[in-house]
Amino acid sequence: MSETERPRLYNTRTFFITGLRNAHAMETQAIQILTRQVERLDSYPDMEAAIRRHIAESEQQRARLQDVLDALGESHASVKDAALGFVGNLMALAHVPASDEVIKDTLANYAFEHFEIAAYKTLITVGEALGESAAVAAAKSNLIEEERMASWIHDHMSATTLQFMALAEGGQQASH
């Protein structure tokens, strides 16, 4: 079968819609993870405040994505949202028994923020190629917020680690 006779296996618009749905589910997962974490940050008020801000941003990001999907006549993948929300809860709970929970959460959050950054950069690239300016604008807004949170984590990683060490060595609850 020649290249021209071979059926096209994917279409860019379908790829884009799938990416938007995945990003919506990703934000659901982020909200679940961060909501579980913020409940246990009594010893880290700066981190607690940053995470609370980012939960609100993540809720807005998910709403932006829903608006884009609605405008495109599409819906989010509710099964994927539920599944990733459940996985998010499990991921958040996985670090709870660890004596260094706050450090593990910080590392995981830093990695997750960069995953989200990559996802939004990809959506922007595909959206621009398709001429989907509203979707690109939403993805760019989300990207800015994800980059800001990744930067906050980066800038506070040493301070968080030092605070953890001081609390642990002082016999205080350091894990959260």
Protein backbone atom coordinates (compact mmCIF):
# COMPACT_ATOMS: atom_id res chain seq x y z
CA MET A 1 0.00 0.00 0.00
CA SER A 2 1.45 3.36 -1.00
CA GLU A 3 1.75 6.32 1.35
CA THR A 4 -1.21 8.05 -0.32
CA GLU A 5 -3.41 4.94 -0.06
CA ARG A 6 -2.66 4.32 3.62
CA PRO A 7 -5.51 5.47 5.88
CA ARG A 8 -4.70 8.42 8.07
CA LEU A 9 -4.33 7.11 11.62
CA TYR A 10 -4.90 10.35 13.47
CA ASN A 11 -6.08 13.80 12.84
CA THR A 12 -4.61 16.92 14.39
CA ARG A 13 -7.94 18.25 15.67
CA THR A 14 -8.67 14.95 17.40
CA PHE A 15 -5.17 15.04 18.90
CA PHE A 16 -5.85 18.60 20.11
CA ILE A 17 -9.23 17.77 21.65
CA THR A 18 -7.68 14.76 23.39
CA GLY A 19 -4.92 17.03 24.70
CA LEU A 20 -7.48 19.50 26.05
CA ARG A 21 -9.40 16.68 27.73
CA ASN A 22 -6.16 15.31 29.20
CA ALA A 23 -5.24 18.76 30.51
CA HIS A 24 -8.68 19.07 32.11
CA ALA A 25 -8.17 15.71 33.82
CA MET A 26 -4.61 16.72 34.76
CA GLU A 27 -5.96 19.80 36.55
CA THR A 28 -8.50 17.64 38.38
CA GLN A 29 -5.63 15.44 39.51
CA ALA A 30 -3.56 18.46 40.58
CA ILE A 31 -6.45 19.82 42.65
CA GLN A 32 -6.86 16.48 44.42
CA ILE A 33 -3.14 16.11 45.13
CA LEU A 34 -2.70 19.65 46.41
CA THR A 35 -5.88 19.59 48.47
CA ARG A 36 -4.65 16.51 50.35
CA GLN A 37 -1.21 18.05 50.85
CA VAL A 38 -2.35 21.44 52.09
CA GLU A 39 -4.29 19.78 54.92
CA ARG A 40 -0.96 18.74 56.49
CA LEU A 41 1.25 21.82 56.18
CA ASP A 42 0.86 23.39 59.62
CA SER A 43 4.64 23.69 60.06
CA TYR A 44 5.12 25.27 56.60
CA PRO A 45 2.85 28.37 56.39
CA ASP A 46 4.55 29.84 53.30
CA MET A 47 4.13 26.59 51.41
CA GLU A 48 0.56 26.25 52.63
CA ALA A 49 -0.28 29.73 51.32
CA ALA A 50 1.40 29.05 47.95
CA ILE A 51 -0.41 25.75 47.53
CA ARG A 52 -3.77 27.27 48.49
CA ARG A 53 -3.21 29.95 45.82
CA HIS A 54 -2.29 27.29 43.29
CA ILE A 55 -5.36 25.19 44.09
CA ALA A 56 -7.49 28.24 43.24
CA GLU A 57 -5.46 28.75 40.06
CA SER A 58 -5.85 25.08 39.13
CA GLU A 59 -9.61 25.36 39.56
CA GLN A 60 -9.58 28.39 37.22
CA GLN A 61 -7.34 26.53 34.78
CA ARG A 62 -9.79 23.63 34.69
CA ALA A 63 -12.65 26.08 34.13
CA ARG A 64 -10.75 27.75 31.26
CA LEU A 65 -10.23 24.35 29.66
CA GLN A 66 -13.92 23.53 30.11
CA ASP A 67 -14.86 26.82 28.42
CA VAL A 68 -12.58 25.97 25.48
CA LEU A 69 -14.02 22.47 25.19
CA ASP A 70 -17.56 23.87 25.36
CA ALA A 71 -16.77 26.42 22.64
CA LEU A 72 -15.44 23.61 20.45
CA GLY A 73 -18.61 21.59 21.04
CA GLU A 74 -16.74 19.01 23.06
CA SER A 75 -16.97 17.77 26.63
CA HIS A 76 -14.30 16.81 29.11
CA ALA A 77 -13.61 13.16 29.72
CA SER A 78 -15.51 12.62 32.97
CA VAL A 79 -14.25 9.06 33.37
CA LYS A 80 -10.66 10.24 32.93
CA ASP A 81 -11.29 13.13 35.36
CA ALA A 82 -12.65 10.72 37.95
CA ALA A 83 -9.86 8.22 37.43
CA LEU A 84 -7.08 10.81 37.63
CA GLY A 85 -8.77 12.49 40.59
CA PHE A 86 -8.75 9.14 42.36
CA VAL A 87 -5.11 8.54 41.39
CA GLY A 88 -4.31 12.05 42.63
CA ASN A 89 -5.75 11.21 46.02
CA LEU A 90 -3.74 7.99 46.14
CA MET A 91 -0.57 9.82 45.13
CA ALA A 92 -1.09 12.41 47.84
CA LEU A 93 -1.68 9.73 50.44
CA ALA A 94 1.37 7.72 49.37
CA HIS A 95 3.75 10.16 51.08
CA VAL A 96 1.74 10.56 54.30
CA PRO A 97 3.50 7.79 56.25
CA ALA A 98 6.94 9.03 55.20
CA SER A 99 8.92 10.87 57.85
CA ASP A 100 10.05 13.25 55.09
CA GLU A 101 6.60 13.71 53.54
CA VAL A 102 7.03 17.44 52.90
CA ILE A 103 10.28 16.84 51.01
CA LYS A 104 8.77 14.04 48.90
CA ASP A 105 5.73 16.22 48.17
CA THR A 106 7.96 19.15 47.21
CA LEU A 107 9.93 17.01 44.75
CA ALA A 108 6.75 15.47 43.32
CA ASN A 109 5.09 18.88 42.97
CA TYR A 110 8.14 20.29 41.19
CA ALA A 111 8.08 17.41 38.71
CA PHE A 112 4.29 17.64 38.24
CA GLU A 113 4.47 21.39 37.56
CA HIS A 114 7.00 20.72 34.81
CA PHE A 115 4.77 18.00 33.35
CA GLU A 116 1.93 20.55 33.24
CA ILE A 117 4.23 23.14 31.65
CA ALA A 118 5.16 20.68 28.91
CA ALA A 119 1.50 19.77 28.35
CA TYR A 120 0.48 23.43 27.95
CA LYS A 121 3.40 24.19 25.63
CA THR A 122 2.28 21.29 23.44
CA LEU A 123 -1.34 22.50 23.46
CA ILE A 124 -0.18 25.99 22.49
CA THR A 125 1.86 24.64 19.57
CA VAL A 126 -1.00 22.50 18.25
CA GLY A 127 -3.61 25.19 18.91
CA GLU A 128 -1.56 27.77 17.00
CA ALA A 129 -1.19 25.34 14.07
CA LEU A 130 -4.98 24.87 14.04
CA GLY A 131 -5.73 28.58 14.43
CA GLU A 132 -7.58 28.01 17.72
CA SER A 133 -6.82 31.42 19.26
CA ALA A 134 -9.19 31.11 22.25
CA ALA A 135 -7.71 27.76 23.21
CA VAL A 136 -4.19 29.13 22.79
CA ALA A 137 -5.00 32.10 25.02
CA ALA A 138 -6.39 29.80 27.73
CA ALA A 139 -3.37 27.48 27.51
CA LYS A 140 -1.00 30.47 27.71
CA SER A 141 -2.77 31.75 30.83
CA ASN A 142 -2.51 28.30 32.39
CA LEU A 143 1.14 28.02 31.36
CA ILE A 144 2.03 31.30 33.08
CA GLU A 145 0.45 30.10 36.33
CA GLU A 146 2.19 26.71 36.15
CA GLU A 147 5.54 28.36 35.46
CA ARG A 148 4.99 30.71 38.41
CA MET A 149 4.27 27.78 40.75
CA ALA A 150 7.26 25.79 39.46
CA SER A 151 9.41 28.86 40.05
CA TRP A 152 8.04 29.28 43.57
CA ILE A 153 8.86 25.67 44.41
CA HIS A 154 12.33 26.04 42.90
CA ASP A 155 13.01 29.24 44.82
CA HIS A 156 11.84 27.73 48.14
CA MET A 157 13.24 24.21 47.85
CA SER A 158 16.37 24.93 49.91
CA ALA A 159 14.43 26.85 52.57
CA THR A 160 11.88 24.03 52.83
CA THR A 161 14.64 21.47 53.20
CA LEU A 162 16.43 23.53 55.86
CA GLN A 163 13.17 24.09 57.73
CA PHE A 164 12.45 20.35 57.59
CA MET A 165 15.91 19.58 58.97
CA ALA A 166 15.58 22.15 61.78
CA LEU A 167 12.16 20.83 62.81
CA ALA A 168 13.33 17.20 62.68
CA GLU A 169 16.48 17.89 64.67
CA GLY A 170 14.46 19.90 67.19
CA GLY A 171 12.17 16.95 67.79
CA GLN A 172 9.17 18.70 66.23
CA GLN A 173 6.77 17.36 63.66
CA ALA A 174 8.76 17.93 60.48
CA SER A 175 6.92 15.76 57.98
CA HIS A 176 4.01 18.15 57.57
